[in-house]
Amino acid sequence: MNPETKSVCEQKNYEMIFNNHSETLRNFIYYKCGNLQQAEDIVQDSFIKLWKNCAKVIFEKAKSYLYTISKNAFLNEVAYQKVVLKHQVHLVKESTNETPEFILEEKEFMVKLKKAIADLPEKQREVFLLSRIDKKKYAEIAEVIGITVKAVEKRMSLALKTLREKIGDI
């Protein structure tokens, strides 16, 4: 890095990035999700990630990095909500003739499944949701994320293994 290049890790530069981009980034996410609190949370998490990775992010690319992180966080939340909605609809349609004990067990399972998915490491969760919720092929996932198909297969394998371990004891 040459001496003229600004560092994101310097507090004054980080504050300048925050002051210049936090409001527009929040508005960008707010227009996507329609929930101001969720947009603010995503933006806050994005700036935390920027700070944690400041040594890796080039100052001139910080804005792009923030938008990418925020957009991905929003898409992860959308995918998670799809899972929730899909299972809620499934429960309403098929559980009407079940015993109260079965309904309770199913609800407990769904809570455990949602928690297990939420607890997956971010990279595994991203691959899992893109594959299982968005129905993308491994090659498409690899292209979107910018990794190899082999890496997608590995992340998916680890995600499925983790999920089996966490929810398999019901």
N, C-alpha and C. Protein backbone atom coordinates (compact mmCIF):
# COMPACT_ATOMS: atom_id res chain seq x y z
N MET A 1 0.85 -1.18 0.00
CA MET A 1 0.00 0.00 0.00
C MET A 1 0.89 1.23 0.00
N ASN A 2 0.64 2.15 -0.91
CA ASN A 2 1.50 3.34 -0.96
C ASN A 2 1.07 4.33 0.12
N PRO A 3 1.95 5.24 0.50
CA PRO A 3 1.67 6.14 1.62
C PRO A 3 0.50 7.08 1.38
N GLU A 4 0.12 7.32 0.11
CA GLU A 4 -0.97 8.24 -0.19
C GLU A 4 -2.34 7.58 -0.06
N THR A 5 -2.38 6.27 0.01
CA THR A 5 -3.65 5.55 0.08
C THR A 5 -4.23 5.67 1.49
N LYS A 6 -5.51 6.00 1.56
CA LYS A 6 -6.18 6.13 2.85
C LYS A 6 -6.52 4.74 3.37
N SER A 7 -6.51 4.60 4.67
CA SER A 7 -6.85 3.32 5.31
C SER A 7 -8.22 3.43 5.97
N VAL A 8 -9.03 2.42 5.75
CA VAL A 8 -10.35 2.37 6.39
C VAL A 8 -10.19 2.22 7.90
N CYS A 9 -9.07 1.67 8.34
CA CYS A 9 -8.83 1.42 9.77
C CYS A 9 -8.55 2.69 10.57
N GLU A 10 -8.23 3.76 9.88
CA GLU A 10 -8.02 5.02 10.60
C GLU A 10 -9.39 5.58 10.98
N GLN A 11 -9.52 5.95 12.25
CA GLN A 11 -10.82 6.36 12.77
C GLN A 11 -11.43 7.52 11.98
N LYS A 12 -10.63 8.52 11.62
CA LYS A 12 -11.19 9.67 10.89
C LYS A 12 -11.73 9.24 9.53
N ASN A 13 -11.05 8.30 8.87
CA ASN A 13 -11.53 7.81 7.57
C ASN A 13 -12.79 6.98 7.74
N TYR A 14 -12.81 6.14 8.77
CA TYR A 14 -13.99 5.32 9.03
C TYR A 14 -15.19 6.22 9.34
N GLU A 15 -14.97 7.24 10.16
CA GLU A 15 -16.06 8.17 10.49
C GLU A 15 -16.55 8.91 9.25
N MET A 16 -15.59 9.26 8.38
CA MET A 16 -15.98 9.94 7.14
C MET A 16 -16.86 9.02 6.28
N ILE A 17 -16.48 7.76 6.18
CA ILE A 17 -17.28 6.78 5.42
C ILE A 17 -18.66 6.66 6.05
N PHE A 18 -18.70 6.55 7.37
CA PHE A 18 -19.98 6.44 8.08
C PHE A 18 -20.85 7.67 7.82
N ASN A 19 -20.27 8.85 8.00
CA ASN A 19 -21.04 10.10 7.82
C ASN A 19 -21.53 10.27 6.38
N ASN A 20 -20.72 9.84 5.42
CA ASN A 20 -21.08 10.02 4.01
C ASN A 20 -22.08 8.98 3.50
N HIS A 21 -22.10 7.79 4.10
CA HIS A 21 -22.86 6.70 3.48
C HIS A 21 -23.93 6.04 4.36
N SER A 22 -23.91 6.28 5.66
CA SER A 22 -24.85 5.54 6.52
C SER A 22 -26.32 5.84 6.20
N GLU A 23 -26.63 7.11 5.98
CA GLU A 23 -28.03 7.46 5.72
C GLU A 23 -28.51 6.94 4.36
N THR A 24 -27.70 7.10 3.33
CA THR A 24 -28.12 6.61 2.01
C THR A 24 -28.19 5.08 1.99
N LEU A 25 -27.29 4.44 2.71
CA LEU A 25 -27.32 2.98 2.81
C LEU A 25 -28.58 2.52 3.54
N ARG A 26 -28.91 3.20 4.63
CA ARG A 26 -30.13 2.88 5.37
C ARG A 26 -31.36 3.05 4.47
N ASN A 27 -31.40 4.13 3.71
CA ASN A 27 -32.53 4.37 2.81
C ASN A 27 -32.62 3.29 1.74
N PHE A 28 -31.47 2.89 1.21
CA PHE A 28 -31.41 1.83 0.20
C PHE A 28 -32.04 0.54 0.73
N ILE A 29 -31.65 0.14 1.93
CA ILE A 29 -32.18 -1.09 2.53
C ILE A 29 -33.64 -0.89 2.94
N TYR A 30 -33.96 0.30 3.43
CA TYR A 30 -35.35 0.58 3.83
C TYR A 30 -36.29 0.46 2.63
N TYR A 31 -35.88 0.95 1.47
CA TYR A 31 -36.71 0.84 0.27
C TYR A 31 -36.89 -0.61 -0.14
N LYS A 32 -35.89 -1.43 0.15
CA LYS A 32 -35.99 -2.85 -0.19
C LYS A 32 -36.91 -3.59 0.77
N CYS A 33 -36.79 -3.31 2.09
CA CYS A 33 -37.51 -4.12 3.07
C CYS A 33 -38.76 -3.45 3.64
N GLY A 34 -38.83 -2.13 3.59
CA GLY A 34 -40.01 -1.44 4.11
C GLY A 34 -40.08 -1.40 5.63
N ASN A 35 -38.99 -1.74 6.30
CA ASN A 35 -38.97 -1.76 7.76
C ASN A 35 -37.76 -0.96 8.22
N LEU A 36 -38.02 0.22 8.79
CA LEU A 36 -36.94 1.12 9.17
C LEU A 36 -36.02 0.50 10.22
N GLN A 37 -36.58 -0.17 11.21
CA GLN A 37 -35.76 -0.78 12.26
C GLN A 37 -34.85 -1.86 11.68
N GLN A 38 -35.40 -2.68 10.81
CA GLN A 38 -34.59 -3.73 10.17
C GLN A 38 -33.49 -3.10 9.31
N ALA A 39 -33.82 -2.05 8.59
CA ALA A 39 -32.83 -1.37 7.76
C ALA A 39 -31.70 -0.80 8.62
N GLU A 40 -32.05 -0.18 9.73
CA GLU A 40 -31.03 0.37 10.63
C GLU A 40 -30.16 -0.73 11.22
N ASP A 41 -30.76 -1.85 11.58
CA ASP A 41 -29.99 -2.98 12.12
C ASP A 41 -29.01 -3.53 11.08
N ILE A 42 -29.47 -3.67 9.85
CA ILE A 42 -28.61 -4.19 8.79
C ILE A 42 -27.45 -3.23 8.53
N VAL A 43 -27.73 -1.95 8.50
CA VAL A 43 -26.68 -0.95 8.27
C VAL A 43 -25.67 -0.98 9.41
N GLN A 44 -26.16 -1.05 10.63
CA GLN A 44 -25.27 -1.11 11.79
C GLN A 44 -24.36 -2.35 11.71
N ASP A 45 -24.95 -3.49 11.40
CA ASP A 45 -24.16 -4.72 11.26
C ASP A 45 -23.14 -4.60 10.13
N SER A 46 -23.52 -3.93 9.05
CA SER A 46 -22.61 -3.76 7.92
C SER A 46 -21.41 -2.91 8.30
N PHE A 47 -21.65 -1.84 9.06
CA PHE A 47 -20.53 -1.00 9.48
C PHE A 47 -19.64 -1.72 10.49
N ILE A 48 -20.22 -2.58 11.30
CA ILE A 48 -19.41 -3.40 12.21
C ILE A 48 -18.52 -4.34 11.41
N LYS A 49 -19.09 -4.96 10.38
CA LYS A 49 -18.29 -5.85 9.53
C LYS A 49 -17.19 -5.09 8.81
N LEU A 50 -17.50 -3.87 8.37
CA LEU A 50 -16.48 -3.04 7.73
C LEU A 50 -15.34 -2.78 8.70
N TRP A 51 -15.66 -2.44 9.94
CA TRP A 51 -14.62 -2.16 10.94
C TRP A 51 -13.78 -3.41 11.23
N LYS A 52 -14.46 -4.55 11.35
CA LYS A 52 -13.73 -5.80 11.63
C LYS A 52 -12.82 -6.20 10.47
N ASN A 53 -13.19 -5.82 9.26
CA ASN A 53 -12.42 -6.18 8.07
C ASN A 53 -11.72 -4.98 7.45
N CYS A 54 -11.52 -3.93 8.22
CA CYS A 54 -10.99 -2.68 7.67
C CYS A 54 -9.63 -2.86 7.01
N ALA A 55 -8.82 -3.77 7.50
CA ALA A 55 -7.50 -3.98 6.93
C ALA A 55 -7.58 -4.61 5.53
N LYS A 56 -8.67 -5.31 5.27
CA LYS A 56 -8.85 -5.99 4.00
C LYS A 56 -9.56 -5.14 2.95
N VAL A 57 -10.22 -4.08 3.40
CA VAL A 57 -11.04 -3.27 2.48
C VAL A 57 -10.27 -2.03 2.05
N ILE A 58 -10.18 -1.83 0.75
CA ILE A 58 -9.54 -0.65 0.19
C ILE A 58 -10.49 0.53 0.40
N PHE A 59 -9.94 1.66 0.82
CA PHE A 59 -10.74 2.83 1.13
C PHE A 59 -11.70 3.19 0.00
N GLU A 60 -11.21 3.18 -1.21
CA GLU A 60 -12.02 3.55 -2.37
C GLU A 60 -13.15 2.56 -2.63
N LYS A 61 -13.04 1.35 -2.10
CA LYS A 61 -14.04 0.30 -2.31
C LYS A 61 -14.98 0.13 -1.11
N ALA A 62 -14.83 0.96 -0.10
CA ALA A 62 -15.60 0.81 1.14
C ALA A 62 -17.11 0.94 0.89
N LYS A 63 -17.50 1.90 0.08
CA LYS A 63 -18.93 2.09 -0.22
C LYS A 63 -19.50 0.85 -0.89
N SER A 64 -18.81 0.34 -1.89
CA SER A 64 -19.26 -0.87 -2.58
C SER A 64 -19.34 -2.05 -1.62
N TYR A 65 -18.34 -2.17 -0.76
CA TYR A 65 -18.31 -3.24 0.24
C TYR A 65 -19.54 -3.14 1.15
N LEU A 66 -19.84 -1.95 1.63
CA LEU A 66 -20.99 -1.76 2.52
C LEU A 66 -22.31 -2.12 1.83
N TYR A 67 -22.47 -1.70 0.60
CA TYR A 67 -23.71 -2.00 -0.13
C TYR A 67 -23.83 -3.51 -0.37
N THR A 68 -22.73 -4.15 -0.69
CA THR A 68 -22.76 -5.59 -0.92
C THR A 68 -23.11 -6.34 0.36
N ILE A 69 -22.46 -5.98 1.45
CA ILE A 69 -22.73 -6.63 2.75
C ILE A 69 -24.18 -6.41 3.15
N SER A 70 -24.66 -5.20 3.00
CA SER A 70 -26.04 -4.87 3.39
C SER A 70 -27.06 -5.61 2.53
N LYS A 71 -26.82 -5.62 1.23
CA LYS A 71 -27.73 -6.32 0.32
C LYS A 71 -27.77 -7.81 0.66
N ASN A 72 -26.61 -8.41 0.89
CA ASN A 72 -26.56 -9.83 1.24
C ASN A 72 -27.25 -10.12 2.56
N ALA A 73 -27.08 -9.23 3.54
CA ALA A 73 -27.76 -9.41 4.83
C ALA A 73 -29.27 -9.35 4.64
N PHE A 74 -29.72 -8.42 3.82
CA PHE A 74 -31.15 -8.31 3.53
C PHE A 74 -31.66 -9.56 2.83
N LEU A 75 -30.92 -10.05 1.84
CA LEU A 75 -31.33 -11.26 1.11
C LEU A 75 -31.35 -12.48 2.04
N ASN A 76 -30.40 -12.57 2.96
CA ASN A 76 -30.41 -13.66 3.93
C ASN A 76 -31.66 -13.61 4.80
N GLU A 77 -32.03 -12.41 5.20
CA GLU A 77 -33.23 -12.25 6.03
C GLU A 77 -34.49 -12.62 5.23
N VAL A 78 -34.53 -12.23 3.97
CA VAL A 78 -35.67 -12.58 3.12
C VAL A 78 -35.76 -14.10 2.98
N ALA A 79 -34.62 -14.74 2.74
CA ALA A 79 -34.61 -16.19 2.60
C ALA A 79 -35.06 -16.86 3.88
N TYR A 80 -34.61 -16.36 5.01
CA TYR A 80 -35.02 -16.92 6.29
C TYR A 80 -36.53 -16.76 6.48
N GLN A 81 -37.06 -15.60 6.14
CA GLN A 81 -38.49 -15.36 6.28
C GLN A 81 -39.30 -16.25 5.34
N LYS A 82 -38.74 -16.59 4.18
CA LYS A 82 -39.40 -17.53 3.27
C LYS A 82 -39.55 -18.88 3.94
N VAL A 83 -38.51 -19.31 4.62
CA VAL A 83 -38.55 -20.59 5.33
C VAL A 83 -39.64 -20.55 6.39
N VAL A 84 -39.65 -19.48 7.16
CA VAL A 84 -40.64 -19.33 8.21
C VAL A 84 -42.05 -19.36 7.63
N LEU A 85 -42.27 -18.57 6.59
CA LEU A 85 -43.59 -18.48 5.98
C LEU A 85 -44.00 -19.82 5.37
N LYS A 86 -43.08 -20.47 4.69
CA LYS A 86 -43.38 -21.75 4.06
C LYS A 86 -43.84 -22.77 5.11
N HIS A 87 -43.15 -22.79 6.22
CA HIS A 87 -43.50 -23.76 7.26
C HIS A 87 -44.77 -23.36 8.02
N GLN A 88 -45.03 -22.09 8.14
CA GLN A 88 -46.27 -21.66 8.78
C GLN A 88 -47.46 -22.05 7.91
N VAL A 89 -47.37 -21.85 6.61
CA VAL A 89 -48.44 -22.24 5.69
C VAL A 89 -48.60 -23.75 5.72
N HIS A 90 -47.49 -24.46 5.72
CA HIS A 90 -47.51 -25.92 5.78
C HIS A 90 -48.21 -26.40 7.05
N LEU A 91 -47.92 -25.78 8.16
CA LEU A 91 -48.54 -26.17 9.42
C LEU A 91 -50.05 -25.95 9.38
N VAL A 92 -50.47 -24.82 8.84
CA VAL A 92 -51.90 -24.51 8.79
C VAL A 92 -52.63 -25.50 7.90
N LYS A 93 -52.05 -25.84 6.75
CA LYS A 93 -52.73 -26.72 5.80
C LYS A 93 -52.82 -28.16 6.30
N GLU A 94 -51.75 -28.69 6.85
CA GLU A 94 -51.69 -30.11 7.10
C GLU A 94 -51.87 -30.53 8.55
N SER A 95 -51.90 -29.61 9.46
CA SER A 95 -51.95 -29.98 10.86
C SER A 95 -53.35 -29.95 11.45
N THR A 96 -54.34 -29.63 10.66
CA THR A 96 -55.68 -29.45 11.19
C THR A 96 -56.28 -30.73 11.76
N ASN A 97 -55.89 -31.91 11.25
CA ASN A 97 -56.45 -33.16 11.75
C ASN A 97 -55.52 -33.89 12.70
N GLU A 98 -54.48 -33.23 13.17
CA GLU A 98 -53.49 -33.87 14.02
C GLU A 98 -53.85 -33.70 15.49
N THR A 99 -53.27 -34.56 16.30
CA THR A 99 -53.50 -34.48 17.74
C THR A 99 -52.76 -33.27 18.31
N PRO A 100 -53.20 -32.79 19.46
CA PRO A 100 -52.50 -31.66 20.08
C PRO A 100 -51.03 -31.98 20.37
N GLU A 101 -50.75 -33.22 20.74
CA GLU A 101 -49.37 -33.61 21.03
C GLU A 101 -48.50 -33.49 19.76
N PHE A 102 -49.06 -33.94 18.64
CA PHE A 102 -48.32 -33.88 17.37
C PHE A 102 -48.07 -32.42 16.99
N ILE A 103 -49.09 -31.60 17.13
CA ILE A 103 -48.96 -30.18 16.80
C ILE A 103 -47.88 -29.52 17.66
N LEU A 104 -47.87 -29.84 18.95
CA LEU A 104 -46.86 -29.29 19.85
C LEU A 104 -45.46 -29.75 19.45
N GLU A 105 -45.32 -31.04 19.14
CA GLU A 105 -44.02 -31.56 18.72
C GLU A 105 -43.56 -30.90 17.42
N GLU A 106 -44.50 -30.70 16.51
CA GLU A 106 -44.15 -30.07 15.24
C GLU A 106 -43.70 -28.62 15.45
N LYS A 107 -44.40 -27.91 16.32
CA LYS A 107 -44.01 -26.53 16.62
C LYS A 107 -42.63 -26.49 17.26
N GLU A 108 -42.38 -27.40 18.18
CA GLU A 108 -41.06 -27.47 18.83
C GLU A 108 -39.98 -27.77 17.79
N PHE A 109 -40.28 -28.67 16.87
CA PHE A 109 -39.32 -28.99 15.82
C PHE A 109 -39.03 -27.76 14.96
N MET A 110 -40.08 -27.02 14.60
CA MET A 110 -39.89 -25.85 13.75
C MET A 110 -39.05 -24.79 14.46
N VAL A 111 -39.28 -24.61 15.74
CA VAL A 111 -38.48 -23.65 16.51
C VAL A 111 -37.01 -24.09 16.51
N LYS A 112 -36.80 -25.37 16.72
CA LYS A 112 -35.44 -25.90 16.75
C LYS A 112 -34.78 -25.78 15.36
N LEU A 113 -35.54 -26.04 14.31
CA LEU A 113 -35.02 -25.94 12.95
C LEU A 113 -34.64 -24.49 12.63
N LYS A 114 -35.52 -23.55 12.94
CA LYS A 114 -35.23 -22.13 12.68
C LYS A 114 -33.98 -21.69 13.43
N LYS A 115 -33.86 -22.10 14.68
CA LYS A 115 -32.69 -21.74 15.47
C LYS A 115 -31.43 -22.37 14.88
N ALA A 116 -31.53 -23.63 14.47
CA ALA A 116 -30.37 -24.32 13.89
C ALA A 116 -29.92 -23.62 12.61
N ILE A 117 -30.86 -23.21 11.78
CA ILE A 117 -30.51 -22.50 10.54
C ILE A 117 -29.88 -21.15 10.87
N ALA A 118 -30.49 -20.44 11.82
CA ALA A 118 -29.96 -19.14 12.21
C ALA A 118 -28.56 -19.25 12.83
N ASP A 119 -28.27 -20.37 13.50
CA ASP A 119 -26.98 -20.56 14.17
C ASP A 119 -25.88 -21.06 13.23
N LEU A 120 -26.24 -21.43 12.01
CA LEU A 120 -25.21 -21.88 11.07
C LEU A 120 -24.22 -20.74 10.83
N PRO A 121 -22.94 -21.07 10.60
CA PRO A 121 -22.01 -20.01 10.19
C PRO A 121 -22.53 -19.32 8.93
N GLU A 122 -22.25 -18.05 8.81
CA GLU A 122 -22.83 -17.24 7.73
C GLU A 122 -22.62 -17.84 6.34
N LYS A 123 -21.42 -18.32 6.06
CA LYS A 123 -21.13 -18.86 4.73
C LYS A 123 -21.94 -20.12 4.46
N GLN A 124 -22.10 -20.96 5.47
CA GLN A 124 -22.90 -22.19 5.30
C GLN A 124 -24.36 -21.84 5.16
N ARG A 125 -24.86 -20.90 5.98
CA ARG A 125 -26.26 -20.51 5.93
C ARG A 125 -26.60 -19.92 4.57
N GLU A 126 -25.70 -19.09 4.04
CA GLU A 126 -25.92 -18.46 2.74
C GLU A 126 -26.08 -19.53 1.66
N VAL A 127 -25.18 -20.50 1.63
CA VAL A 127 -25.25 -21.57 0.62
C VAL A 127 -26.51 -22.41 0.83
N PHE A 128 -26.80 -22.75 2.07
CA PHE A 128 -27.98 -23.57 2.39
C PHE A 128 -29.26 -22.88 1.91
N LEU A 129 -29.41 -21.59 2.24
CA LEU A 129 -30.63 -20.87 1.87
C LEU A 129 -30.75 -20.67 0.35
N LEU A 130 -29.63 -20.37 -0.29
CA LEU A 130 -29.68 -20.22 -1.75
C LEU A 130 -30.06 -21.53 -2.43
N SER A 131 -29.57 -22.64 -1.88
CA SER A 131 -29.87 -23.94 -2.48
C SER A 131 -31.28 -24.41 -2.14
N ARG A 132 -31.61 -24.43 -0.89
CA ARG A 132 -32.87 -25.03 -0.45
C ARG A 132 -34.07 -24.10 -0.55
N ILE A 133 -33.87 -22.81 -0.41
CA ILE A 133 -34.99 -21.87 -0.46
C ILE A 133 -35.14 -21.27 -1.85
N ASP A 134 -34.03 -20.74 -2.37
CA ASP A 134 -34.09 -20.12 -3.70
C ASP A 134 -33.97 -21.13 -4.83
N LYS A 135 -33.72 -22.40 -4.48
CA LYS A 135 -33.66 -23.51 -5.46
C LYS A 135 -32.59 -23.27 -6.53
N LYS A 136 -31.48 -22.66 -6.14
CA LYS A 136 -30.39 -22.43 -7.08
C LYS A 136 -29.50 -23.67 -7.15
N LYS A 137 -28.94 -23.90 -8.32
CA LYS A 137 -27.99 -25.00 -8.52
C LYS A 137 -26.64 -24.57 -7.95
N TYR A 138 -25.81 -25.56 -7.62
CA TYR A 138 -24.51 -25.26 -7.03
C TYR A 138 -23.69 -24.33 -7.92
N ALA A 139 -23.75 -24.52 -9.23
CA ALA A 139 -22.98 -23.68 -10.14
C ALA A 139 -23.46 -22.22 -10.07
N GLU A 140 -24.77 -22.03 -9.95
CA GLU A 140 -25.32 -20.68 -9.83
C GLU A 140 -24.88 -20.04 -8.52
N ILE A 141 -24.92 -20.83 -7.45
CA ILE A 141 -24.51 -20.32 -6.13
C ILE A 141 -23.04 -19.92 -6.18
N ALA A 142 -22.21 -20.77 -6.78
CA ALA A 142 -20.78 -20.49 -6.88
C ALA A 142 -20.55 -19.17 -7.61
N GLU A 143 -21.30 -18.94 -8.68
CA GLU A 143 -21.15 -17.72 -9.46
C GLU A 143 -21.59 -16.49 -8.67
N VAL A 144 -22.72 -16.60 -7.98
CA VAL A 144 -23.26 -15.48 -7.21
C VAL A 144 -22.31 -15.10 -6.07
N ILE A 145 -21.81 -16.10 -5.37
CA ILE A 145 -20.97 -15.83 -4.20
C ILE A 145 -19.52 -15.56 -4.60
N GLY A 146 -19.11 -16.11 -5.73
CA GLY A 146 -17.74 -15.91 -6.18
C GLY A 146 -16.77 -16.94 -5.63
N ILE A 147 -17.26 -18.19 -5.50
CA ILE A 147 -16.41 -19.29 -5.04
C ILE A 147 -16.55 -20.45 -6.02
N THR A 148 -15.80 -21.51 -5.79
CA THR A 148 -15.87 -22.67 -6.68
C THR A 148 -17.08 -23.54 -6.33
N VAL A 149 -17.47 -24.37 -7.28
CA VAL A 149 -18.57 -25.31 -7.04
C VAL A 149 -18.18 -26.27 -5.92
N LYS A 150 -16.91 -26.66 -5.88
CA LYS A 150 -16.42 -27.55 -4.82
C LYS A 150 -16.61 -26.91 -3.45
N ALA A 151 -16.33 -25.61 -3.35
CA ALA A 151 -16.51 -24.89 -2.08
C ALA A 151 -17.99 -24.85 -1.69
N VAL A 152 -18.87 -24.67 -2.67
CA VAL A 152 -20.31 -24.69 -2.41
C VAL A 152 -20.71 -26.06 -1.87
N GLU A 153 -20.22 -27.12 -2.51
CA GLU A 153 -20.54 -28.49 -2.07
C GLU A 153 -20.07 -28.72 -0.64
N LYS A 154 -18.88 -28.24 -0.32
CA LYS A 154 -18.32 -28.42 1.02
C LYS A 154 -19.16 -27.66 2.05
N ARG A 155 -19.50 -26.41 1.75
CA ARG A 155 -20.30 -25.62 2.69
C ARG A 155 -21.68 -26.25 2.90
N MET A 156 -22.27 -26.74 1.81
CA MET A 156 -23.59 -27.37 1.92
C MET A 156 -23.50 -28.64 2.76
N SER A 157 -22.47 -29.42 2.52
CA SER A 157 -22.27 -30.65 3.28
C SER A 157 -22.12 -30.35 4.78
N LEU A 158 -21.33 -29.34 5.10
CA LEU A 158 -21.15 -28.97 6.50
C LEU A 158 -22.45 -28.43 7.11
N ALA A 159 -23.20 -27.66 6.33
CA ALA A 159 -24.47 -27.12 6.82
C ALA A 159 -25.46 -28.24 7.12
N LEU A 160 -25.57 -29.19 6.20
CA LEU A 160 -26.50 -30.31 6.40
C LEU A 160 -26.08 -31.17 7.58
N LYS A 161 -24.78 -31.39 7.72
CA LYS A 161 -24.27 -32.17 8.85
C LYS A 161 -24.61 -31.48 10.16
N THR A 162 -24.37 -30.18 10.22
CA THR A 162 -24.67 -29.40 11.43
C THR A 162 -26.16 -29.45 11.75
N LEU A 163 -26.99 -29.27 10.73
CA LEU A 163 -28.44 -29.29 10.95
C LEU A 163 -28.90 -30.65 11.44
N ARG A 164 -28.36 -31.72 10.85
CA ARG A 164 -28.72 -33.07 11.31
C ARG A 164 -28.34 -33.28 12.77
N GLU A 165 -27.17 -32.79 13.14
CA GLU A 165 -26.71 -32.94 14.52
C GLU A 165 -27.60 -32.16 15.49
N LYS A 166 -27.99 -30.95 15.10
CA LYS A 166 -28.76 -30.09 16.00
C LYS A 166 -30.22 -30.50 16.11
N ILE A 167 -30.81 -31.00 15.03
CA ILE A 167 -32.24 -31.33 15.09
C ILE A 167 -32.49 -32.82 15.06
N GLY A 168 -31.46 -33.61 14.95
CA GLY A 168 -31.62 -35.05 14.85
C GLY A 168 -32.05 -35.74 16.13
N ASP A 169 -31.90 -35.07 17.26
CA ASP A 169 -32.21 -35.72 18.53
C ASP A 169 -33.66 -35.53 18.98
N ILE A 170 -34.49 -35.05 18.10
CA ILE A 170 -35.92 -34.88 18.45
C ILE A 170 -36.62 -36.21 18.29
